[in-house]
Amino acid sequence: MARRIEKLFVPGPAGNLEALLEEPEDGEPRYAALVCHPHPQHGGTMHTKVVYRIARGLRKTGAVVLRFNYRGVNLSEGAYADGVGELEDARTCLAFLRERYPDLPFVVAGFSFGSRIALQLAGQIPEMRRAIAVGFPTKYPDKDYLEPCSVPRTFLHSTIDVHGPMVELEALTKTLSGPPTVEFVVSQDHFFVDALDAFEEAVVRTGHAI
């Protein structure tokens, strides 16, 4: 039987949100995952290469994955709302995913700006199984939302990232409760441009641990 791939629109706080729901390649889903894309004002969409690799890696480990576009991106209605509205978009899409698969544990993952969204949700939804932060931008000064948090967190990061240098991420994660899992992928930039396969393998390892 071919796996389910469904293009849909999720009713959001500022209008319909364009989304893509994909079940695992093999077997029934064992958990559900929401994946959040990078900054909408810098070209981020649910089809960004890193976001696609996160989704595919998690599907390989049995996840049903929902990707979506924030308000104002591609076919999603509304306009950029300074991260506040985008957090509500993600919360709405997560609620949709949990309603569709009520018996599955769930995780939230995100890349760059999307990692901030994922970690904010983790601090607010303690029943989440795990939060996966990819390319977390340490350069943003506001980090109060990172604690308190009882949800296990995994940080996947490039060894060279202008938005989150290794030394800054290492220092930050050492201060967090858990402690979080941190894995660096040898790459030359924020987008894992020369190491997407290795990055996806790291996502698969993370997914198997869920």
N, C-alpha and C. Protein backbone atom coordinates (compact mmCIF):
# COMPACT_ATOMS: atom_id res chain seq x y z
N MET A 1 0.85 -1.19 0.00
CA MET A 1 0.00 0.00 0.00
C MET A 1 0.89 1.25 0.00
N ALA A 2 0.58 2.21 -0.89
CA ALA A 2 1.35 3.44 -0.96
C ALA A 2 1.11 4.27 0.30
N ARG A 3 2.16 4.95 0.74
CA ARG A 3 2.01 5.76 1.94
C ARG A 3 1.12 6.97 1.66
N ARG A 4 0.47 7.45 2.70
CA ARG A 4 -0.41 8.60 2.58
C ARG A 4 0.40 9.88 2.43
N ILE A 5 0.11 10.66 1.40
CA ILE A 5 0.64 12.01 1.23
C ILE A 5 -0.56 12.91 0.96
N GLU A 6 -0.79 13.86 1.83
CA GLU A 6 -2.00 14.67 1.74
C GLU A 6 -1.66 16.15 1.79
N LYS A 7 -2.03 16.87 0.73
CA LYS A 7 -1.92 18.33 0.75
C LYS A 7 -3.22 18.86 1.33
N LEU A 8 -3.09 19.79 2.26
CA LEU A 8 -4.30 20.28 2.93
C LEU A 8 -4.12 21.70 3.43
N PHE A 9 -5.21 22.26 3.92
CA PHE A 9 -5.19 23.57 4.55
C PHE A 9 -5.74 23.44 5.96
N VAL A 10 -4.97 23.94 6.91
CA VAL A 10 -5.37 23.91 8.31
C VAL A 10 -5.93 25.29 8.66
N PRO A 11 -7.15 25.37 9.17
CA PRO A 11 -7.69 26.68 9.59
C PRO A 11 -6.83 27.27 10.72
N GLY A 12 -6.25 28.43 10.46
CA GLY A 12 -5.35 29.05 11.43
C GLY A 12 -5.91 30.33 12.00
N PRO A 13 -5.19 30.95 12.93
CA PRO A 13 -5.67 32.17 13.58
C PRO A 13 -5.80 33.35 12.63
N ALA A 14 -5.02 33.35 11.53
CA ALA A 14 -5.05 34.46 10.57
C ALA A 14 -5.52 34.01 9.20
N GLY A 15 -6.11 32.82 9.12
CA GLY A 15 -6.55 32.27 7.84
C GLY A 15 -6.01 30.88 7.63
N ASN A 16 -6.31 30.30 6.49
CA ASN A 16 -5.88 28.93 6.21
C ASN A 16 -4.37 28.83 6.06
N LEU A 17 -3.81 27.73 6.60
CA LEU A 17 -2.38 27.48 6.54
C LEU A 17 -2.12 26.29 5.61
N GLU A 18 -1.31 26.52 4.61
CA GLU A 18 -0.95 25.46 3.66
C GLU A 18 -0.09 24.42 4.37
N ALA A 19 -0.39 23.14 4.17
CA ALA A 19 0.32 22.10 4.90
C ALA A 19 0.44 20.84 4.05
N LEU A 20 1.36 19.97 4.47
CA LEU A 20 1.61 18.70 3.80
C LEU A 20 1.77 17.63 4.87
N LEU A 21 0.91 16.62 4.81
CA LEU A 21 0.93 15.51 5.77
C LEU A 21 1.47 14.27 5.07
N GLU A 22 2.50 13.65 5.66
CA GLU A 22 3.12 12.47 5.05
C GLU A 22 3.31 11.37 6.09
N GLU A 23 2.79 10.19 5.79
CA GLU A 23 2.98 9.04 6.67
C GLU A 23 4.29 8.33 6.33
N PRO A 24 4.75 7.43 7.19
CA PRO A 24 6.03 6.75 6.95
C PRO A 24 6.01 5.92 5.66
N GLU A 25 7.22 5.68 5.13
CA GLU A 25 7.35 4.87 3.93
C GLU A 25 6.89 3.44 4.16
N ASP A 26 7.14 2.92 5.35
CA ASP A 26 6.82 1.52 5.67
C ASP A 26 6.06 1.43 6.98
N GLY A 27 4.97 0.68 6.99
CA GLY A 27 4.26 0.39 8.23
C GLY A 27 3.41 1.54 8.74
N GLU A 28 2.77 1.29 9.85
CA GLU A 28 1.93 2.29 10.49
C GLU A 28 2.79 3.28 11.28
N PRO A 29 2.36 4.53 11.37
CA PRO A 29 3.14 5.50 12.15
C PRO A 29 3.19 5.14 13.63
N ARG A 30 4.36 5.36 14.24
CA ARG A 30 4.50 5.08 15.67
C ARG A 30 4.56 6.36 16.49
N TYR A 31 4.77 7.50 15.84
CA TYR A 31 4.68 8.79 16.51
C TYR A 31 4.38 9.86 15.47
N ALA A 32 3.98 11.03 15.92
CA ALA A 32 3.64 12.14 15.03
C ALA A 32 4.64 13.28 15.24
N ALA A 33 4.97 13.97 14.15
CA ALA A 33 5.96 15.05 14.24
C ALA A 33 5.49 16.26 13.45
N LEU A 34 5.57 17.42 14.08
CA LEU A 34 5.35 18.69 13.41
C LEU A 34 6.72 19.29 13.12
N VAL A 35 6.92 19.79 11.89
CA VAL A 35 8.20 20.38 11.50
C VAL A 35 7.98 21.83 11.10
N CYS A 36 8.73 22.73 11.73
CA CYS A 36 8.59 24.18 11.53
C CYS A 36 9.73 24.73 10.67
N HIS A 37 9.40 25.55 9.71
CA HIS A 37 10.41 26.03 8.76
C HIS A 37 11.11 27.30 9.23
N PRO A 38 12.20 27.69 8.54
CA PRO A 38 12.96 28.88 8.96
C PRO A 38 12.23 30.18 8.64
N HIS A 39 12.92 31.28 8.88
CA HIS A 39 12.29 32.60 8.90
C HIS A 39 11.55 32.91 7.59
N PRO A 40 10.26 33.24 7.70
CA PRO A 40 9.48 33.50 6.49
C PRO A 40 9.91 34.74 5.72
N GLN A 41 10.60 35.65 6.38
CA GLN A 41 11.04 36.86 5.68
C GLN A 41 12.43 36.71 5.06
N HIS A 42 12.99 35.52 5.17
CA HIS A 42 14.30 35.26 4.57
C HIS A 42 14.23 34.02 3.68
N GLY A 43 13.08 33.80 3.08
CA GLY A 43 12.94 32.73 2.12
C GLY A 43 12.56 31.37 2.68
N GLY A 44 12.29 31.28 3.96
CA GLY A 44 11.96 29.99 4.56
C GLY A 44 10.57 29.52 4.18
N THR A 45 10.46 28.25 3.81
CA THR A 45 9.17 27.62 3.54
C THR A 45 9.24 26.17 4.01
N MET A 46 8.11 25.48 3.94
CA MET A 46 8.10 24.07 4.34
C MET A 46 8.87 23.20 3.36
N HIS A 47 9.28 23.76 2.20
CA HIS A 47 10.03 23.01 1.22
C HIS A 47 11.53 23.29 1.27
N THR A 48 11.97 24.13 2.22
CA THR A 48 13.41 24.35 2.41
C THR A 48 14.12 23.01 2.56
N LYS A 49 15.31 22.89 1.97
CA LYS A 49 16.00 21.60 1.92
C LYS A 49 16.19 20.96 3.30
N VAL A 50 16.60 21.76 4.28
CA VAL A 50 16.82 21.20 5.62
C VAL A 50 15.51 20.72 6.23
N VAL A 51 14.44 21.46 6.01
CA VAL A 51 13.13 21.06 6.53
C VAL A 51 12.69 19.75 5.88
N TYR A 52 12.89 19.65 4.57
CA TYR A 52 12.56 18.41 3.86
C TYR A 52 13.35 17.23 4.42
N ARG A 53 14.64 17.45 4.69
CA ARG A 53 15.48 16.37 5.23
C ARG A 53 15.06 15.98 6.64
N ILE A 54 14.66 16.96 7.46
CA ILE A 54 14.15 16.63 8.79
C ILE A 54 12.93 15.72 8.65
N ALA A 55 12.00 16.14 7.79
CA ALA A 55 10.77 15.37 7.61
C ALA A 55 11.05 13.97 7.10
N ARG A 56 11.93 13.86 6.12
CA ARG A 56 12.21 12.53 5.56
C ARG A 56 12.93 11.65 6.57
N GLY A 57 13.87 12.23 7.30
CA GLY A 57 14.59 11.46 8.31
C GLY A 57 13.67 10.93 9.39
N LEU A 58 12.73 11.76 9.84
CA LEU A 58 11.79 11.32 10.87
C LEU A 58 10.83 10.26 10.32
N ARG A 59 10.40 10.42 9.08
CA ARG A 59 9.52 9.41 8.48
C ARG A 59 10.21 8.05 8.41
N LYS A 60 11.52 8.06 8.17
CA LYS A 60 12.26 6.80 8.11
C LYS A 60 12.22 6.05 9.43
N THR A 61 11.96 6.77 10.52
CA THR A 61 11.92 6.13 11.84
C THR A 61 10.50 5.92 12.33
N GLY A 62 9.54 6.08 11.43
CA GLY A 62 8.16 5.76 11.78
C GLY A 62 7.26 6.92 12.10
N ALA A 63 7.68 8.14 11.79
CA ALA A 63 6.85 9.30 12.09
C ALA A 63 5.88 9.60 10.96
N VAL A 64 4.69 10.04 11.33
CA VAL A 64 3.84 10.76 10.39
C VAL A 64 4.16 12.23 10.59
N VAL A 65 4.47 12.94 9.51
CA VAL A 65 5.02 14.28 9.61
C VAL A 65 4.08 15.31 8.98
N LEU A 66 3.86 16.39 9.70
CA LEU A 66 3.11 17.52 9.17
C LEU A 66 4.06 18.70 9.03
N ARG A 67 4.24 19.14 7.80
CA ARG A 67 4.94 20.38 7.52
C ARG A 67 3.89 21.43 7.14
N PHE A 68 4.20 22.71 7.37
CA PHE A 68 3.23 23.76 7.05
C PHE A 68 3.96 25.05 6.76
N ASN A 69 3.28 25.95 6.08
CA ASN A 69 3.80 27.29 5.84
C ASN A 69 3.15 28.27 6.81
N TYR A 70 3.99 29.08 7.48
CA TYR A 70 3.44 30.12 8.34
C TYR A 70 2.55 31.07 7.54
N ARG A 71 1.77 31.82 8.26
CA ARG A 71 0.92 32.84 7.65
C ARG A 71 1.71 33.72 6.67
N GLY A 72 1.11 33.96 5.49
CA GLY A 72 1.74 34.83 4.50
C GLY A 72 2.77 34.16 3.62
N VAL A 73 3.05 32.88 3.83
CA VAL A 73 4.05 32.18 3.02
C VAL A 73 3.34 31.32 1.98
N ASN A 74 3.71 31.49 0.72
CA ASN A 74 3.09 30.76 -0.39
C ASN A 74 1.57 30.86 -0.32
N LEU A 75 0.86 29.74 -0.12
CA LEU A 75 -0.60 29.77 -0.15
C LEU A 75 -1.24 29.98 1.22
N SER A 76 -0.43 30.14 2.25
CA SER A 76 -0.99 30.42 3.58
C SER A 76 -1.47 31.86 3.66
N GLU A 77 -2.63 32.05 4.25
CA GLU A 77 -3.22 33.39 4.34
C GLU A 77 -2.62 34.16 5.51
N GLY A 78 -2.80 35.47 5.48
CA GLY A 78 -2.30 36.32 6.56
C GLY A 78 -1.00 36.98 6.20
N ALA A 79 -0.35 37.56 7.21
CA ALA A 79 0.91 38.28 7.02
C ALA A 79 1.83 38.02 8.21
N TYR A 80 3.13 38.19 7.98
CA TYR A 80 4.13 37.96 9.02
C TYR A 80 3.76 38.71 10.30
N ALA A 81 3.93 38.05 11.45
CA ALA A 81 3.49 38.62 12.73
C ALA A 81 4.58 38.55 13.79
N ASP A 82 5.82 38.85 13.42
CA ASP A 82 6.92 39.04 14.37
C ASP A 82 7.20 37.83 15.26
N GLY A 83 6.90 36.64 14.77
CA GLY A 83 7.18 35.43 15.54
C GLY A 83 6.07 35.04 16.48
N VAL A 84 5.27 36.02 16.92
CA VAL A 84 4.16 35.74 17.84
C VAL A 84 3.06 34.99 17.10
N GLY A 85 2.67 35.51 15.96
CA GLY A 85 1.65 34.85 15.16
C GLY A 85 2.12 33.51 14.63
N GLU A 86 3.40 33.42 14.27
CA GLU A 86 3.94 32.18 13.74
C GLU A 86 3.93 31.08 14.80
N LEU A 87 4.18 31.46 16.06
CA LEU A 87 4.07 30.49 17.15
C LEU A 87 2.64 29.96 17.26
N GLU A 88 1.67 30.84 17.11
CA GLU A 88 0.28 30.41 17.16
C GLU A 88 -0.08 29.54 15.96
N ASP A 89 0.50 29.84 14.80
CA ASP A 89 0.29 28.98 13.64
C ASP A 89 0.77 27.57 13.93
N ALA A 90 1.97 27.47 14.51
CA ALA A 90 2.53 26.15 14.84
C ALA A 90 1.68 25.44 15.88
N ARG A 91 1.21 26.17 16.86
CA ARG A 91 0.36 25.57 17.90
C ARG A 91 -0.93 25.02 17.28
N THR A 92 -1.48 25.77 16.35
CA THR A 92 -2.71 25.33 15.67
C THR A 92 -2.46 24.07 14.85
N CYS A 93 -1.35 24.04 14.12
CA CYS A 93 -1.04 22.87 13.30
C CYS A 93 -0.74 21.65 14.17
N LEU A 94 -0.10 21.87 15.31
CA LEU A 94 0.16 20.76 16.21
C LEU A 94 -1.16 20.20 16.76
N ALA A 95 -2.08 21.08 17.10
CA ALA A 95 -3.39 20.62 17.58
C ALA A 95 -4.11 19.81 16.51
N PHE A 96 -4.00 20.25 15.26
CA PHE A 96 -4.59 19.51 14.15
C PHE A 96 -3.97 18.12 14.04
N LEU A 97 -2.65 18.06 14.12
CA LEU A 97 -1.94 16.78 14.00
C LEU A 97 -2.33 15.84 15.14
N ARG A 98 -2.41 16.36 16.35
CA ARG A 98 -2.76 15.52 17.51
C ARG A 98 -4.21 15.04 17.41
N GLU A 99 -5.08 15.86 16.85
CA GLU A 99 -6.47 15.44 16.67
C GLU A 99 -6.57 14.35 15.61
N ARG A 100 -5.74 14.45 14.57
CA ARG A 100 -5.76 13.44 13.51
C ARG A 100 -5.19 12.12 14.00
N TYR A 101 -4.18 12.18 14.89
CA TYR A 101 -3.53 10.96 15.40
C TYR A 101 -3.53 11.00 16.93
N PRO A 102 -4.70 10.88 17.54
CA PRO A 102 -4.82 11.11 18.99
C PRO A 102 -4.10 10.08 19.85
N ASP A 103 -3.81 8.90 19.32
CA ASP A 103 -3.20 7.85 20.13
C ASP A 103 -1.68 7.81 20.03
N LEU A 104 -1.10 8.70 19.21
CA LEU A 104 0.35 8.67 19.02
C LEU A 104 1.06 9.69 19.89
N PRO A 105 2.24 9.34 20.42
CA PRO A 105 3.08 10.36 21.04
C PRO A 105 3.51 11.35 19.97
N PHE A 106 3.93 12.54 20.37
CA PHE A 106 4.24 13.56 19.36
C PHE A 106 5.51 14.33 19.72
N VAL A 107 6.14 14.83 18.67
CA VAL A 107 7.34 15.65 18.81
C VAL A 107 7.18 16.88 17.93
N VAL A 108 7.99 17.89 18.21
CA VAL A 108 8.05 19.08 17.35
C VAL A 108 9.51 19.32 17.00
N ALA A 109 9.76 19.58 15.72
CA ALA A 109 11.10 19.89 15.25
C ALA A 109 11.05 21.20 14.48
N GLY A 110 12.19 21.87 14.40
CA GLY A 110 12.23 23.11 13.63
C GLY A 110 13.65 23.48 13.26
N PHE A 111 13.78 24.21 12.17
CA PHE A 111 15.08 24.65 11.68
C PHE A 111 15.20 26.16 11.81
N SER A 112 16.31 26.63 12.41
CA SER A 112 16.64 28.04 12.54
C SER A 112 15.51 28.77 13.28
N PHE A 113 14.87 29.75 12.67
CA PHE A 113 13.71 30.40 13.29
C PHE A 113 12.71 29.35 13.76
N GLY A 114 12.54 28.31 12.99
CA GLY A 114 11.62 27.24 13.36
C GLY A 114 12.04 26.49 14.61
N SER A 115 13.35 26.45 14.89
CA SER A 115 13.81 25.80 16.12
C SER A 115 13.39 26.60 17.34
N ARG A 116 13.36 27.92 17.19
CA ARG A 116 12.88 28.77 18.28
C ARG A 116 11.39 28.50 18.55
N ILE A 117 10.63 28.36 17.47
CA ILE A 117 9.21 28.05 17.61
C ILE A 117 9.03 26.70 18.31
N ALA A 118 9.79 25.69 17.87
CA ALA A 118 9.68 24.34 18.45
C ALA A 118 10.01 24.36 19.93
N LEU A 119 11.05 25.09 20.32
CA LEU A 119 11.45 25.11 21.72
C LEU A 119 10.48 25.91 22.58
N GLN A 120 9.86 26.93 22.01
CA GLN A 120 8.84 27.65 22.76
C GLN A 120 7.65 26.73 23.04
N LEU A 121 7.23 25.96 22.05
CA LEU A 121 6.13 25.02 22.26
C LEU A 121 6.50 23.97 23.32
N ALA A 122 7.76 23.52 23.29
CA ALA A 122 8.20 22.52 24.27
C ALA A 122 8.07 23.04 25.69
N GLY A 123 8.34 24.32 25.88
CA GLY A 123 8.23 24.90 27.21
C GLY A 123 6.79 25.05 27.68
N GLN A 124 5.86 24.97 26.74
CA GLN A 124 4.45 25.19 27.06
C GLN A 124 3.61 23.92 27.04
N ILE A 125 4.14 22.84 26.45
CA ILE A 125 3.37 21.60 26.29
C ILE A 125 4.20 20.45 26.86
N PRO A 126 4.11 20.20 28.16
CA PRO A 126 5.00 19.23 28.81
C PRO A 126 4.78 17.79 28.37
N GLU A 127 3.63 17.48 27.77
CA GLU A 127 3.39 16.10 27.33
C GLU A 127 4.08 15.77 26.01
N MET A 128 4.73 16.74 25.40
CA MET A 128 5.50 16.49 24.19
C MET A 128 6.61 15.47 24.46
N ARG A 129 6.82 14.55 23.53
CA ARG A 129 7.83 13.51 23.72
C ARG A 129 9.26 14.06 23.57
N ARG A 130 9.48 14.95 22.61
CA ARG A 130 10.80 15.53 22.39
C ARG A 130 10.68 16.77 21.51
N ALA A 131 11.60 17.71 21.70
CA ALA A 131 11.74 18.86 20.80
C ALA A 131 13.10 18.76 20.12
N ILE A 132 13.12 18.95 18.81
CA ILE A 132 14.35 18.83 18.03
C ILE A 132 14.65 20.20 17.42
N ALA A 133 15.74 20.80 17.86
CA ALA A 133 16.13 22.14 17.41
C ALA A 133 17.32 22.03 16.46
N VAL A 134 17.10 22.37 15.22
CA VAL A 134 18.15 22.29 14.20
C VAL A 134 18.63 23.69 13.87
N GLY A 135 19.94 23.91 13.93
CA GLY A 135 20.49 25.22 13.58
C GLY A 135 19.95 26.32 14.47
N PHE A 136 19.90 26.07 15.78
CA PHE A 136 19.35 27.06 16.70
C PHE A 136 20.15 28.36 16.65
N PRO A 137 19.51 29.51 16.37
CA PRO A 137 20.23 30.78 16.24
C PRO A 137 20.52 31.41 17.61
N THR A 138 21.72 31.21 18.10
CA THR A 138 22.08 31.73 19.42
C THR A 138 22.19 33.25 19.43
N LYS A 139 22.24 33.87 18.26
CA LYS A 139 22.44 35.32 18.18
C LYS A 139 21.25 36.12 18.70
N TYR A 140 20.05 35.49 18.74
CA TYR A 140 18.90 36.19 19.30
C TYR A 140 19.12 36.37 20.80
N PRO A 141 18.91 37.58 21.34
CA PRO A 141 19.17 37.79 22.77
C PRO A 141 18.14 37.15 23.68
N ASP A 142 16.88 37.04 23.24
CA ASP A 142 15.83 36.52 24.12
C ASP A 142 15.86 35.00 24.14
N LYS A 143 16.15 34.45 25.32
CA LYS A 143 16.20 33.00 25.48
C LYS A 143 15.47 32.55 26.75
N ASP A 144 14.70 33.45 27.34
CA ASP A 144 14.02 33.13 28.59
C ASP A 144 13.04 31.96 28.43
N TYR A 145 12.53 31.76 27.22
CA TYR A 145 11.55 30.70 26.99
C TYR A 145 12.16 29.30 27.07
N LEU A 146 13.48 29.22 27.13
CA LEU A 146 14.13 27.90 27.17
C LEU A 146 13.98 27.21 28.51
N GLU A 147 13.74 27.95 29.55
CA GLU A 147 13.54 27.37 30.88
C GLU A 147 12.38 28.07 31.57
N PRO A 148 11.61 27.33 32.39
CA PRO A 148 11.77 25.89 32.65
C PRO A 148 11.20 25.06 31.51
N CYS A 149 11.70 23.86 31.37
CA CYS A 149 11.21 22.95 30.33
C CYS A 149 11.49 21.52 30.76
N SER A 150 10.45 20.71 30.81
CA SER A 150 10.61 19.31 31.21
C SER A 150 10.69 18.36 30.02
N VAL A 151 10.52 18.89 28.82
CA VAL A 151 10.55 18.07 27.60
C VAL A 151 12.00 17.79 27.20
N PRO A 152 12.37 16.55 26.90
CA PRO A 152 13.72 16.27 26.40
C PRO A 152 13.97 17.04 25.10
N ARG A 153 15.18 17.60 24.98
CA ARG A 153 15.50 18.42 23.82
C ARG A 153 16.77 17.91 23.14
N THR A 154 16.74 17.93 21.81
CA THR A 154 17.91 17.56 21.02
C THR A 154 18.28 18.73 20.12
N PHE A 155 19.55 19.09 20.13
CA PHE A 155 20.07 20.13 19.26
C PHE A 155 20.95 19.49 18.20
N LEU A 156 20.61 19.68 16.93
CA LEU A 156 21.43 19.24 15.80
C LEU A 156 21.97 20.49 15.13
N HIS A 157 23.29 20.53 14.91
CA HIS A 157 23.91 21.80 14.56
C HIS A 157 25.11 21.60 13.66
N SER A 158 25.31 22.55 12.75
CA SER A 158 26.51 22.54 11.91
C SER A 158 27.73 22.99 12.72
N THR A 159 28.88 22.45 12.37
CA THR A 159 30.10 22.86 13.06
C THR A 159 30.51 24.28 12.70
N ILE A 160 30.00 24.79 11.58
CA ILE A 160 30.24 26.19 11.20
C ILE A 160 28.89 26.82 10.92
N ASP A 161 28.48 27.72 11.80
CA ASP A 161 27.15 28.33 11.69
C ASP A 161 27.26 29.77 12.16
N VAL A 162 27.11 30.71 11.24
CA VAL A 162 27.27 32.12 11.62
C VAL A 162 26.14 32.59 12.52
N HIS A 163 25.01 31.90 12.48
CA HIS A 163 23.87 32.30 13.32
C HIS A 163 23.92 31.64 14.70
N GLY A 164 24.76 30.62 14.83
CA GLY A 164 24.89 29.93 16.11
C GLY A 164 26.24 29.25 16.21
N PRO A 165 27.31 30.01 16.46
CA PRO A 165 28.64 29.40 16.55
C PRO A 165 28.70 28.27 17.58
N MET A 166 29.50 27.26 17.31
CA MET A 166 29.59 26.10 18.19
C MET A 166 29.83 26.49 19.63
N VAL A 167 30.76 27.40 19.85
CA VAL A 167 31.12 27.76 21.22
C VAL A 167 29.93 28.36 21.96
N GLU A 168 29.10 29.12 21.24
CA GLU A 168 27.92 29.72 21.87
C GLU A 168 26.86 28.67 22.16
N LEU A 169 26.66 27.74 21.22
CA LEU A 169 25.65 26.70 21.46
C LEU A 169 26.09 25.79 22.60
N GLU A 170 27.37 25.42 22.64
CA GLU A 170 27.86 24.56 23.72
C GLU A 170 27.67 25.24 25.07
N ALA A 171 27.99 26.52 25.15
CA ALA A 171 27.84 27.25 26.41
C ALA A 171 26.37 27.33 26.82
N LEU A 172 25.51 27.58 25.85
CA LEU A 172 24.08 27.68 26.15
C LEU A 172 23.51 26.35 26.64
N THR A 173 23.77 25.28 25.92
CA THR A 173 23.15 24.00 26.27
C THR A 173 23.65 23.46 27.61
N LYS A 174 24.85 23.86 28.03
CA LYS A 174 25.34 23.44 29.33
C LYS A 174 24.54 24.05 30.48
N THR A 175 23.83 25.12 30.20
CA THR A 175 23.05 25.79 31.25
C THR A 175 21.62 25.27 31.33
N LEU A 176 21.22 24.42 30.37
CA LEU A 176 19.83 24.00 30.29
C LEU A 176 19.58 22.72 31.09
N SER A 177 18.37 22.62 31.61
CA SER A 177 18.00 21.42 32.35
C SER A 177 17.87 20.25 31.39
N GLY A 178 17.99 19.07 31.91
CA GLY A 178 17.87 17.87 31.08
C GLY A 178 18.96 16.86 31.35
N PRO A 179 20.20 17.11 30.93
CA PRO A 179 20.58 18.15 29.96
C PRO A 179 20.17 17.73 28.56
N PRO A 180 20.15 18.68 27.61
CA PRO A 180 19.77 18.31 26.25
C PRO A 180 20.85 17.47 25.57
N THR A 181 20.44 16.77 24.53
CA THR A 181 21.37 16.06 23.66
C THR A 181 21.85 17.03 22.59
N VAL A 182 23.15 17.04 22.33
CA VAL A 182 23.71 17.93 21.32
C VAL A 182 24.55 17.11 20.36
N GLU A 183 24.30 17.28 19.06
CA GLU A 183 25.10 16.59 18.05
C GLU A 183 25.50 17.59 16.97
N PHE A 184 26.80 17.65 16.70
CA PHE A 184 27.31 18.52 15.65
C PHE A 184 27.57 17.72 14.38
N VAL A 185 27.18 18.29 13.26
CA VAL A 185 27.42 17.69 11.95
C VAL A 185 28.48 18.53 11.25
N VAL A 186 29.55 17.89 10.80
CA VAL A 186 30.63 18.61 10.13
C VAL A 186 30.10 19.19 8.83
N SER A 187 30.05 20.51 8.76
CA SER A 187 29.52 21.20 7.59
C SER A 187 30.10 22.61 7.55
N GLN A 188 29.93 23.26 6.42
CA GLN A 188 30.54 24.57 6.22
C GLN A 188 29.60 25.74 6.46
N ASP A 189 28.29 25.45 6.68
CA ASP A 189 27.40 26.59 6.90
C ASP A 189 26.13 26.17 7.64
N HIS A 190 25.31 27.16 7.90
CA HIS A 190 24.06 27.02 8.65
C HIS A 190 23.11 26.02 8.01
N PHE A 191 23.19 25.90 6.67
CA PHE A 191 22.23 25.10 5.91
C PHE A 191 22.73 23.69 5.60
N PHE A 192 23.85 23.27 6.19
CA PHE A 192 24.40 21.93 5.97
C PHE A 192 24.58 21.65 4.47
N VAL A 193 24.97 22.69 3.73
CA VAL A 193 24.94 22.59 2.27
C VAL A 193 25.81 21.47 1.72
N ASP A 194 26.92 21.18 2.38
CA ASP A 194 27.84 20.15 1.91
C ASP A 194 27.69 18.85 2.71
N ALA A 195 26.66 18.76 3.55
CA ALA A 195 26.55 17.62 4.46
C ALA A 195 25.09 17.24 4.73
N LEU A 196 24.23 17.41 3.75
CA LEU A 196 22.81 17.12 3.97
C LEU A 196 22.56 15.63 4.25
N ASP A 197 23.33 14.76 3.60
CA ASP A 197 23.16 13.32 3.87
C ASP A 197 23.55 12.99 5.31
N ALA A 198 24.68 13.53 5.75
CA ALA A 198 25.13 13.30 7.13
C ALA A 198 24.14 13.89 8.12
N PHE A 199 23.60 15.07 7.77
CA PHE A 199 22.60 15.68 8.64
C PHE A 199 21.36 14.79 8.75
N GLU A 200 20.89 14.28 7.63
CA GLU A 200 19.70 13.42 7.68
C GLU A 200 19.96 12.16 8.50
N GLU A 201 21.17 11.62 8.42
CA GLU A 201 21.52 10.46 9.25
C GLU A 201 21.42 10.82 10.73
N ALA A 202 21.81 12.04 11.09
CA ALA A 202 21.68 12.49 12.49
C ALA A 202 20.21 12.58 12.89
N VAL A 203 19.38 13.03 11.97
CA VAL A 203 17.93 13.09 12.24
C VAL A 203 17.39 11.68 12.46
N VAL A 204 17.83 10.73 11.65
CA VAL A 204 17.38 9.35 11.79
C VAL A 204 17.79 8.79 13.16
N ARG A 205 19.01 9.06 13.59
CA ARG A 205 19.45 8.59 14.91
C ARG A 205 18.57 9.19 15.99
N THR A 206 18.25 10.45 15.86
CA THR A 206 17.37 11.10 16.83
C THR A 206 15.98 10.47 16.82
N GLY A 207 15.46 10.21 15.64
CA GLY A 207 14.14 9.61 15.52
C GLY A 207 14.06 8.23 16.12
N HIS A 208 15.10 7.45 15.95
CA HIS A 208 15.10 6.09 16.52
C HIS A 208 15.06 6.14 18.04
N ALA A 209 15.53 7.23 18.64
CA ALA A 209 15.56 7.33 20.10
C ALA A 209 14.23 7.80 20.68
N ILE A 210 13.28 8.15 19.81
CA ILE A 210 11.99 8.65 20.29
C ILE A 210 11.07 7.49 20.66
